Amino acid sequence: MKLNVMYFARYREALGLDREQIEGVFSSIEALRSHLLQRGSVWGVLAESNLMCARNEDLCRLDEPLTDGDTVAFFPPVTG
Protein backbone atom coordinates (compact mmCIF):
# COMPACT_ATOMS: atom_id res chain seq x y z
CA MET A 1 0.00 0.00 0.00
CA LYS A 2 1.28 3.45 -0.92
CA LEU A 3 -0.16 6.50 0.84
CA ASN A 4 0.31 10.22 0.31
CA VAL A 5 0.50 11.93 3.69
CA MET A 6 0.19 15.69 4.15
CA TYR A 7 0.89 17.82 7.22
CA PHE A 8 -0.60 21.28 7.76
CA ALA A 9 -0.09 24.35 9.95
CA ARG A 10 1.91 23.76 13.14
CA TYR A 11 2.37 20.06 12.30
CA ARG A 12 4.13 21.03 9.08
CA GLU A 13 6.30 23.49 10.99
CA ALA A 14 7.20 21.02 13.75
CA LEU A 15 8.00 18.18 11.35
CA GLY A 16 9.82 20.28 8.76
CA LEU A 17 7.91 18.78 5.85
CA ASP A 18 4.56 19.26 4.23
CA ARG A 19 4.08 15.88 2.53
CA GLU A 20 5.58 12.45 2.01
CA GLN A 21 4.78 9.07 0.51
CA ILE A 22 4.66 6.14 2.88
CA GLU A 23 4.57 2.47 1.95
CA GLY A 24 3.22 -0.14 4.31
CA VAL A 25 0.06 -1.87 5.42
CA PHE A 26 -2.18 0.31 7.57
CA SER A 27 -5.73 -0.70 8.43
CA SER A 28 -6.77 2.81 9.47
CA ILE A 29 -5.55 6.36 9.92
CA GLU A 30 -4.92 5.52 13.58
CA ALA A 31 -2.57 2.69 12.51
CA LEU A 32 -0.73 5.13 10.24
CA ARG A 33 -0.50 7.70 13.04
CA SER A 34 0.90 5.05 15.42
CA HIS A 35 3.54 4.20 12.81
CA LEU A 36 4.51 7.86 12.50
CA LEU A 37 4.68 8.31 16.29
CA GLN A 38 7.25 5.51 16.45
CA ARG A 39 9.64 7.85 14.65
CA GLY A 40 9.97 9.60 18.02
CA SER A 41 11.12 13.13 18.80
CA VAL A 42 9.12 15.83 17.00
CA TRP A 43 6.63 13.26 15.68
CA GLY A 44 5.00 13.33 19.11
CA VAL A 45 3.08 16.38 17.90
CA LEU A 46 0.76 13.95 16.12
CA ALA A 47 -0.23 12.42 19.48
CA GLU A 48 -2.46 15.41 20.28
CA SER A 49 -5.93 14.24 21.26
CA ASN A 50 -7.64 16.97 19.25
CA LEU A 51 -5.74 16.24 16.01
CA MET A 52 -7.94 16.41 12.93
CA CYS A 53 -7.58 14.26 9.83
CA ALA A 54 -8.95 13.82 6.36
CA ARG A 55 -8.92 10.99 3.85
CA ASN A 56 -9.04 11.99 0.19
CA GLU A 57 -10.08 15.54 1.18
CA ASP A 58 -13.00 14.43 3.37
CA LEU A 59 -12.87 15.03 7.13
CA CYS A 60 -12.95 11.75 9.00
CA ARG A 61 -12.15 10.04 12.27
CA LEU A 62 -8.97 8.19 13.14
CA ASP A 63 -10.71 4.83 12.70
CA GLU A 64 -11.26 5.57 8.98
CA PRO A 65 -10.03 2.59 6.90
CA LEU A 66 -7.29 3.16 4.32
CA THR A 67 -6.75 1.76 0.84
CA ASP A 68 -3.85 1.93 -1.59
CA GLY A 69 -3.37 5.39 -3.10
CA ASP A 70 -5.26 7.31 -0.41
CA THR A 71 -4.22 10.80 0.59
CA VAL A 72 -4.26 11.41 4.33
CA ALA A 73 -4.00 14.87 5.85
CA PHE A 74 -3.22 15.73 9.48
CA PHE A 75 -3.97 19.20 10.81
CA PRO A 76 -4.69 20.93 14.10
CA PRO A 77 -8.22 22.05 14.96
CA VAL A 78 -9.37 25.15 13.13
CA THR A 79 -10.54 28.05 15.25
CA GLY A 80 -12.14 31.27 14.29
PDB file of N, CA and C in Angstrom:
ATOM      1  N   MET A   1       0.842  -1.168   0.000  1.00  0.00           N
ATOM      2  CA  MET A   1       0.000   0.000   0.000  1.00  0.00           C
ATOM      3  C   MET A   1       0.895   1.241   0.000  1.00  0.00           C
ATOM      4  N   LYS A   2       0.557   2.181  -0.863  1.00  0.00           N
ATOM      5  CA  LYS A   2       1.283   3.446  -0.917  1.00  0.00           C
ATOM      6  C   LYS A   2       0.309   4.569  -0.586  1.00  0.00           C
ATOM      7  N   LEU A   3       0.685   5.406   0.395  1.00  0.00           N
ATOM      8  CA  LEU A   3      -0.161   6.504   0.838  1.00  0.00           C
ATOM      9  C   LEU A   3       0.555   7.834   0.642  1.00  0.00           C
ATOM     10  N   ASN A   4      -0.202   8.857   0.332  1.00  0.00           N
ATOM     11  CA  ASN A   4       0.306  10.220   0.307  1.00  0.00           C
ATOM     12  C   ASN A   4      -0.139  10.866   1.611  1.00  0.00           C
ATOM     13  N   VAL A   5       0.811  11.362   2.380  1.00  0.00           N
ATOM     14  CA  VAL A   5       0.497  11.935   3.689  1.00  0.00           C
ATOM     15  C   VAL A   5       0.893  13.402   3.677  1.00  0.00           C
ATOM     16  N   MET A   6      -0.039  14.251   4.131  1.00  0.00           N
ATOM     17  CA  MET A   6       0.186  15.691   4.147  1.00  0.00           C
ATOM     18  C   MET A   6       0.055  16.214   5.575  1.00  0.00           C
ATOM     19  N   TYR A   7       0.877  17.213   5.895  1.00  0.00           N
ATOM     20  CA  TYR A   7       0.888  17.822   7.223  1.00  0.00           C
ATOM     21  C   TYR A   7       0.643  19.320   7.058  1.00  0.00           C
ATOM     22  N   PHE A   8      -0.238  19.877   7.883  1.00  0.00           N
ATOM     23  CA  PHE A   8      -0.604  21.283   7.759  1.00  0.00           C
ATOM     24  C   PHE A   8      -0.344  22.065   9.039  1.00  0.00           C
ATOM     25  N   ALA A   9      -0.205  23.375   8.861  1.00  0.00           N
ATOM     26  CA  ALA A   9      -0.086  24.351   9.949  1.00  0.00           C
ATOM     27  C   ALA A   9       1.072  23.994  10.892  1.00  0.00           C
ATOM     28  N   ARG A  10       0.808  23.967  12.191  1.00  0.00           N
ATOM     29  CA  ARG A  10       1.914  23.758  13.143  1.00  0.00           C
ATOM     30  C   ARG A  10       2.531  22.365  13.028  1.00  0.00           C
ATOM     31  N   TYR A  11       1.780  21.388  12.511  1.00  0.00           N
ATOM     32  CA  TYR A  11       2.367  20.059  12.303  1.00  0.00           C
ATOM     33  C   TYR A  11       3.443  20.139  11.220  1.00  0.00           C
ATOM     34  N   ARG A  12       3.150  20.846  10.153  1.00  0.00           N
ATOM     35  CA  ARG A  12       4.132  21.030   9.080  1.00  0.00           C
ATOM     36  C   ARG A  12       5.376  21.727   9.617  1.00  0.00           C
ATOM     37  N   GLU A  13       5.169  22.745  10.425  1.00  0.00           N
ATOM     38  CA  GLU A  13       6.298  23.492  10.986  1.00  0.00           C
ATOM     39  C   GLU A  13       7.129  22.621  11.927  1.00  0.00           C
ATOM     40  N   ALA A  14       6.482  21.866  12.788  1.00  0.00           N
ATOM     41  CA  ALA A  14       7.199  21.023  13.753  1.00  0.00           C
ATOM     42  C   ALA A  14       7.977  19.899  13.065  1.00  0.00           C
ATOM     43  N   LEU A  15       7.389  19.326  12.022  1.00  0.00           N
ATOM     44  CA  LEU A  15       8.004  18.178  11.350  1.00  0.00           C
ATOM     45  C   LEU A  15       8.995  18.579  10.269  1.00  0.00           C
ATOM     46  N   GLY A  16       8.896  19.811   9.795  1.00  0.00           N
ATOM     47  CA  GLY A  16       9.817  20.277   8.764  1.00  0.00           C
ATOM     48  C   GLY A  16       9.521  19.717   7.386  1.00  0.00           C
ATOM     49  N   LEU A  17       8.304  19.224   7.178  1.00  0.00           N
ATOM     50  CA  LEU A  17       7.909  18.778   5.851  1.00  0.00           C
ATOM     51  C   LEU A  17       6.409  18.916   5.696  1.00  0.00           C
ATOM     52  N   ASP A  18       5.983  19.077   4.458  1.00  0.00           N
ATOM     53  CA  ASP A  18       4.556  19.261   4.227  1.00  0.00           C
ATOM     54  C   ASP A  18       3.882  18.023   3.650  1.00  0.00           C
ATOM     55  N   ARG A  19       4.661  17.108   3.082  1.00  0.00           N
ATOM     56  CA  ARG A  19       4.078  15.880   2.528  1.00  0.00           C
ATOM     57  C   ARG A  19       5.143  14.814   2.363  1.00  0.00           C
ATOM     58  N   GLU A  20       4.689  13.576   2.291  1.00  0.00           N
ATOM     59  CA  GLU A  20       5.582  12.454   2.013  1.00  0.00           C
ATOM     60  C   GLU A  20       4.752  11.278   1.525  1.00  0.00           C
ATOM     61  N   GLN A  21       5.410  10.335   0.883  1.00  0.00           N
ATOM     62  CA  GLN A  21       4.775   9.072   0.511  1.00  0.00           C
ATOM     63  C   GLN A  21       5.264   8.004   1.467  1.00  0.00           C
ATOM     64  N   ILE A  22       4.341   7.203   1.930  1.00  0.00           N
ATOM     65  CA  ILE A  22       4.665   6.140   2.876  1.00  0.00           C
ATOM     66  C   ILE A  22       4.142   4.826   2.309  1.00  0.00           C
ATOM     67  N   GLU A  23       4.980   3.810   2.364  1.00  0.00           N
ATOM     68  CA  GLU A  23       4.568   2.473   1.946  1.00  0.00           C
ATOM     69  C   GLU A  23       4.465   1.587   3.172  1.00  0.00           C
ATOM     70  N   GLY A  24       3.433   0.783   3.209  1.00  0.00           N
ATOM     71  CA  GLY A  24       3.222  -0.136   4.313  1.00  0.00           C
ATOM     72  C   GLY A  24       1.782  -0.601   4.308  1.00  0.00           C
ATOM     73  N   VAL A  25       1.426  -1.387   5.290  1.00  0.00           N
ATOM     74  CA  VAL A  25       0.057  -1.870   5.417  1.00  0.00           C
ATOM     75  C   VAL A  25      -0.538  -1.229   6.665  1.00  0.00           C
ATOM     76  N   PHE A  26      -1.548  -0.407   6.466  1.00  0.00           N
ATOM     77  CA  PHE A  26      -2.183   0.314   7.565  1.00  0.00           C
ATOM     78  C   PHE A  26      -3.690   0.125   7.448  1.00  0.00           C
ATOM     79  N   SER A  27      -4.297  -0.420   8.473  1.00  0.00           N
ATOM     80  CA  SER A  27      -5.732  -0.696   8.432  1.00  0.00           C
ATOM     81  C   SER A  27      -6.576   0.568   8.574  1.00  0.00           C
ATOM     82  N   SER A  28      -6.004   1.593   9.206  1.00  0.00           N
ATOM     83  CA  SER A  28      -6.768   2.813   9.475  1.00  0.00           C
ATOM     84  C   SER A  28      -5.807   3.995   9.604  1.00  0.00           C
ATOM     85  N   ILE A  29      -6.378   5.174   9.695  1.00  0.00           N
ATOM     86  CA  ILE A  29      -5.548   6.364   9.921  1.00  0.00           C
ATOM     87  C   ILE A  29      -4.863   6.258  11.274  1.00  0.00           C
ATOM     88  N   GLU A  30      -5.540   5.699  12.262  1.00  0.00           N
ATOM     89  CA  GLU A  30      -4.917   5.522  13.582  1.00  0.00           C
ATOM     90  C   GLU A  30      -3.682   4.628  13.482  1.00  0.00           C
ATOM     91  N   ALA A  31      -3.740   3.568  12.695  1.00  0.00           N
ATOM     92  CA  ALA A  31      -2.575   2.690  12.513  1.00  0.00           C
ATOM     93  C   ALA A  31      -1.432   3.455  11.844  1.00  0.00           C
ATOM     94  N   LEU A  32      -1.747   4.307  10.877  1.00  0.00           N
ATOM     95  CA  LEU A  32      -0.731   5.131  10.242  1.00  0.00           C
ATOM     96  C   LEU A  32      -0.137   6.101  11.247  1.00  0.00           C
ATOM     97  N   ARG A  33      -0.988   6.751  12.036  1.00  0.00           N
ATOM     98  CA  ARG A  33      -0.500   7.699  13.042  1.00  0.00           C
ATOM     99  C   ARG A  33       0.418   6.999  14.043  1.00  0.00           C
ATOM    100  N   SER A  34       0.042   5.810  14.488  1.00  0.00           N
ATOM    101  CA  SER A  34       0.896   5.049  15.420  1.00  0.00           C
ATOM    102  C   SER A  34       2.259   4.773  14.799  1.00  0.00           C
ATOM    103  N   HIS A  35       2.270   4.429  13.528  1.00  0.00           N
ATOM    104  CA  HIS A  35       3.536   4.202  12.812  1.00  0.00           C
ATOM    105  C   HIS A  35       4.385   5.472  12.812  1.00  0.00           C
ATOM    106  N   LEU A  36       3.770   6.598  12.534  1.00  0.00           N
ATOM    107  CA  LEU A  36       4.507   7.862  12.497  1.00  0.00           C
ATOM    108  C   LEU A  36       5.029   8.249  13.883  1.00  0.00           C
ATOM    109  N   LEU A  37       4.248   7.993  14.925  1.00  0.00           N
ATOM    110  CA  LEU A  37       4.676   8.310  16.286  1.00  0.00           C
ATOM    111  C   LEU A  37       5.905   7.512  16.693  1.00  0.00           C
ATOM    112  N   GLN A  38       6.082   6.328  16.127  1.00  0.00           N
ATOM    113  CA  GLN A  38       7.251   5.508  16.450  1.00  0.00           C
ATOM    114  C   GLN A  38       8.554   6.136  15.962  1.00  0.00           C
ATOM    115  N   ARG A  39       8.446   7.134  15.105  1.00  0.00           N
ATOM    116  CA  ARG A  39       9.643   7.845  14.654  1.00  0.00           C
ATOM    117  C   ARG A  39      10.261   8.664  15.788  1.00  0.00           C
ATOM    118  N   GLY A  40       9.477   8.909  16.846  1.00  0.00           N
ATOM    119  CA  GLY A  40       9.969   9.603  18.025  1.00  0.00           C
ATOM    120  C   GLY A  40      10.122  11.103  17.836  1.00  0.00           C
ATOM    121  N   SER A  41      10.766  11.717  18.815  1.00  0.00           N
ATOM    122  CA  SER A  41      11.121  13.134  18.798  1.00  0.00           C
ATOM    123  C   SER A  41       9.941  14.018  18.410  1.00  0.00           C
ATOM    124  N   VAL A  42      10.124  14.841  17.392  1.00  0.00           N
ATOM    125  CA  VAL A  42       9.117  15.832  16.999  1.00  0.00           C
ATOM    126  C   VAL A  42       7.809  15.198  16.530  1.00  0.00           C
ATOM    127  N   TRP A  43       7.842  13.922  16.173  1.00  0.00           N
ATOM    128  CA  TRP A  43       6.632  13.258  15.679  1.00  0.00           C
ATOM    129  C   TRP A  43       5.570  13.143  16.757  1.00  0.00           C
ATOM    130  N   GLY A  44       5.953  13.351  18.000  1.00  0.00           N
ATOM    131  CA  GLY A  44       5.000  13.331  19.109  1.00  0.00           C
ATOM    132  C   GLY A  44       3.893  14.359  18.964  1.00  0.00           C
ATOM    133  N   VAL A  45       4.113  15.368  18.134  1.00  0.00           N
ATOM    134  CA  VAL A  45       3.084  16.383  17.902  1.00  0.00           C
ATOM    135  C   VAL A  45       1.807  15.744  17.354  1.00  0.00           C
ATOM    136  N   LEU A  46       1.932  14.628  16.667  1.00  0.00           N
ATOM    137  CA  LEU A  46       0.760  13.949  16.116  1.00  0.00           C
ATOM    138  C   LEU A  46      -0.022  13.154  17.161  1.00  0.00           C
ATOM    139  N   ALA A  47       0.462  13.135  18.407  1.00  0.00           N
ATOM    140  CA  ALA A  47      -0.233  12.425  19.480  1.00  0.00           C
ATOM    141  C   ALA A  47      -1.322  13.287  20.119  1.00  0.00           C
ATOM    142  N   GLU A  48      -1.451  14.525  19.697  1.00  0.00           N
ATOM    143  CA  GLU A  48      -2.458  15.411  20.275  1.00  0.00           C
ATOM    144  C   GLU A  48      -3.845  14.784  20.175  1.00  0.00           C
ATOM    145  N   SER A  49      -4.610  14.862  21.246  1.00  0.00           N
ATOM    146  CA  SER A  49      -5.932  14.237  21.264  1.00  0.00           C
ATOM    147  C   SER A  49      -6.937  14.953  20.368  1.00  0.00           C
ATOM    148  N   ASN A  50      -6.689  16.225  20.075  1.00  0.00           N
ATOM    149  CA  ASN A  50      -7.635  16.973  19.248  1.00  0.00           C
ATOM    150  C   ASN A  50      -7.191  17.088  17.786  1.00  0.00           C
ATOM    151  N   LEU A  51      -6.220  16.282  17.393  1.00  0.00           N
ATOM    152  CA  LEU A  51      -5.744  16.244  16.011  1.00  0.00           C
ATOM    153  C   LEU A  51      -6.910  15.973  15.071  1.00  0.00           C
ATOM    154  N   MET A  52      -6.910  16.641  13.936  1.00  0.00           N
ATOM    155  CA  MET A  52      -7.939  16.406  12.929  1.00  0.00           C
ATOM    156  C   MET A  52      -7.300  15.706  11.736  1.00  0.00           C
ATOM    157  N   CYS A  53      -8.119  14.979  10.984  1.00  0.00           N
ATOM    158  CA  CYS A  53      -7.584  14.262   9.832  1.00  0.00           C
ATOM    159  C   CYS A  53      -8.614  14.222   8.716  1.00  0.00           C
ATOM    160  N   ALA A  54      -8.102  13.961   7.533  1.00  0.00           N
ATOM    161  CA  ALA A  54      -8.949  13.824   6.357  1.00  0.00           C
ATOM    162  C   ALA A  54      -8.396  12.693   5.501  1.00  0.00           C
ATOM    163  N   ARG A  55      -9.294  12.031   4.813  1.00  0.00           N
ATOM    164  CA  ARG A  55      -8.921  10.991   3.846  1.00  0.00           C
ATOM    165  C   ARG A  55      -9.499  11.404   2.500  1.00  0.00           C
ATOM    166  N   ASN A  56      -8.621  11.576   1.538  1.00  0.00           N
ATOM    167  CA  ASN A  56      -9.044  11.985   0.194  1.00  0.00           C
ATOM    168  C   ASN A  56      -9.929  13.242   0.236  1.00  0.00           C
ATOM    169  N   GLU A  57      -9.474  14.209   1.035  1.00  0.00           N
ATOM    170  CA  GLU A  57     -10.084  15.539   1.181  1.00  0.00           C
ATOM    171  C   GLU A  57     -11.417  15.557   1.906  1.00  0.00           C
ATOM    172  N   ASP A  58     -11.785  14.461   2.553  1.00  0.00           N
ATOM    173  CA  ASP A  58     -12.999  14.425   3.368  1.00  0.00           C
ATOM    174  C   ASP A  58     -12.618  14.264   4.831  1.00  0.00           C
ATOM    175  N   LEU A  59     -13.124  15.166   5.693  1.00  0.00           N
ATOM    176  CA  LEU A  59     -12.872  15.028   7.126  1.00  0.00           C
ATOM    177  C   LEU A  59     -13.339  13.663   7.592  1.00  0.00           C
ATOM    178  N   CYS A  60     -12.592  13.075   8.513  1.00  0.00           N
ATOM    179  CA  CYS A  60     -12.954  11.751   8.999  1.00  0.00           C
ATOM    180  C   CYS A  60     -12.406  11.560  10.398  1.00  0.00           C
ATOM    181  N   ARG A  61     -12.684  10.394  10.955  1.00  0.00           N
ATOM    182  CA  ARG A  61     -12.155  10.040  12.274  1.00  0.00           C
ATOM    183  C   ARG A  61     -10.917   9.174  12.100  1.00  0.00           C
ATOM    184  N   LEU A  62     -10.202   8.988  13.196  1.00  0.00           N
ATOM    185  CA  LEU A  62      -8.973   8.194  13.143  1.00  0.00           C
ATOM    186  C   LEU A  62      -9.219   6.728  12.803  1.00  0.00           C
ATOM    187  N   ASP A  63     -10.439   6.233  13.012  1.00  0.00           N
ATOM    188  CA  ASP A  63     -10.711   4.827  12.699  1.00  0.00           C
ATOM    189  C   ASP A  63     -11.093   4.616  11.226  1.00  0.00           C
ATOM    190  N   GLU A  64     -10.972   5.663  10.412  1.00  0.00           N
ATOM    191  CA  GLU A  64     -11.264   5.572   8.977  1.00  0.00           C
ATOM    192  C   GLU A  64     -10.340   4.553   8.311  1.00  0.00           C
ATOM    193  N   PRO A  65     -10.883   3.576   7.582  1.00  0.00           N
ATOM    194  CA  PRO A  65     -10.028   2.593   6.902  1.00  0.00           C
ATOM    195  C   PRO A  65      -9.263   3.235   5.740  1.00  0.00           C
ATOM    196  N   LEU A  66      -8.135   2.654   5.411  1.00  0.00           N
ATOM    197  CA  LEU A  66      -7.287   3.155   4.324  1.00  0.00           C
ATOM    198  C   LEU A  66      -7.176   2.121   3.215  1.00  0.00           C
ATOM    199  N   THR A  67      -7.010   2.622   1.986  1.00  0.00           N
ATOM    200  CA  THR A  67      -6.750   1.761   0.843  1.00  0.00           C
ATOM    201  C   THR A  67      -5.588   2.343   0.046  1.00  0.00           C
ATOM    202  N   ASP A  68      -4.998   1.528  -0.788  1.00  0.00           N
ATOM    203  CA  ASP A  68      -3.849   1.931  -1.593  1.00  0.00           C
ATOM    204  C   ASP A  68      -4.167   3.200  -2.382  1.00  0.00           C
ATOM    205  N   GLY A  69      -3.237   4.152  -2.342  1.00  0.00           N
ATOM    206  CA  GLY A  69      -3.374   5.389  -3.100  1.00  0.00           C
ATOM    207  C   GLY A  69      -4.086   6.514  -2.375  1.00  0.00           C
ATOM    208  N   ASP A  70      -4.575   6.259  -1.161  1.00  0.00           N
ATOM    209  CA  ASP A  70      -5.265   7.307  -0.410  1.00  0.00           C
ATOM    210  C   ASP A  70      -4.325   8.464  -0.086  1.00  0.00           C
ATOM    211  N   THR A  71      -4.922   9.637   0.064  1.00  0.00           N
ATOM    212  CA  THR A  71      -4.222  10.802   0.586  1.00  0.00           C
ATOM    213  C   THR A  71      -4.778  11.089   1.971  1.00  0.00           C
ATOM    214  N   VAL A  72      -3.885  11.150   2.943  1.00  0.00           N
ATOM    215  CA  VAL A  72      -4.259  11.410   4.335  1.00  0.00           C
ATOM    216  C   VAL A  72      -3.667  12.755   4.732  1.00  0.00           C
ATOM    217  N   ALA A  73      -4.472  13.574   5.379  1.00  0.00           N
ATOM    218  CA  ALA A  73      -4.000  14.871   5.854  1.00  0.00           C
ATOM    219  C   ALA A  73      -4.185  14.951   7.361  1.00  0.00           C
ATOM    220  N   PHE A  74      -3.171  15.479   8.042  1.00  0.00           N
ATOM    221  CA  PHE A  74      -3.224  15.733   9.478  1.00  0.00           C
ATOM    222  C   PHE A  74      -3.139  17.239   9.674  1.00  0.00           C
ATOM    223  N   PHE A  75      -4.016  17.771  10.530  1.00  0.00           N
ATOM    224  CA  PHE A  75      -3.969  19.200  10.806  1.00  0.00           C
ATOM    225  C   PHE A  75      -4.568  19.475  12.183  1.00  0.00           C
ATOM    226  N   PRO A  76      -4.142  20.578  12.801  1.00  0.00           N
ATOM    227  CA  PRO A  76      -4.686  20.934  14.101  1.00  0.00           C
ATOM    228  C   PRO A  76      -6.107  21.472  13.944  1.00  0.00           C
ATOM    229  N   PRO A  77      -6.862  21.522  15.042  1.00  0.00           N
ATOM    230  CA  PRO A  77      -8.224  22.049  14.965  1.00  0.00           C
ATOM    231  C   PRO A  77      -8.211  23.492  14.448  1.00  0.00           C
ATOM    232  N   VAL A  78      -9.238  23.803  13.698  1.00  0.00           N
ATOM    233  CA  VAL A  78      -9.370  25.149  13.134  1.00  0.00           C
ATOM    234  C   VAL A  78     -10.231  25.961  14.096  1.00  0.00           C
ATOM    235  N   THR A  79      -9.767  27.152  14.402  1.00  0.00           N
ATOM    236  CA  THR A  79     -10.540  28.050  15.252  1.00  0.00           C
ATOM    237  C   THR A  79     -10.876  29.296  14.480  1.00  0.00           C
ATOM    238  N   GLY A  80     -11.839  30.017  14.954  1.00  0.00           N
ATOM    239  CA  GLY A  80     -12.139  31.266  14.286  1.00  0.00           C
ATOM    240  C   GLY A  80     -13.539  31.545  14.361  1.00  0.00           C
TER     241      GLY A  80
END
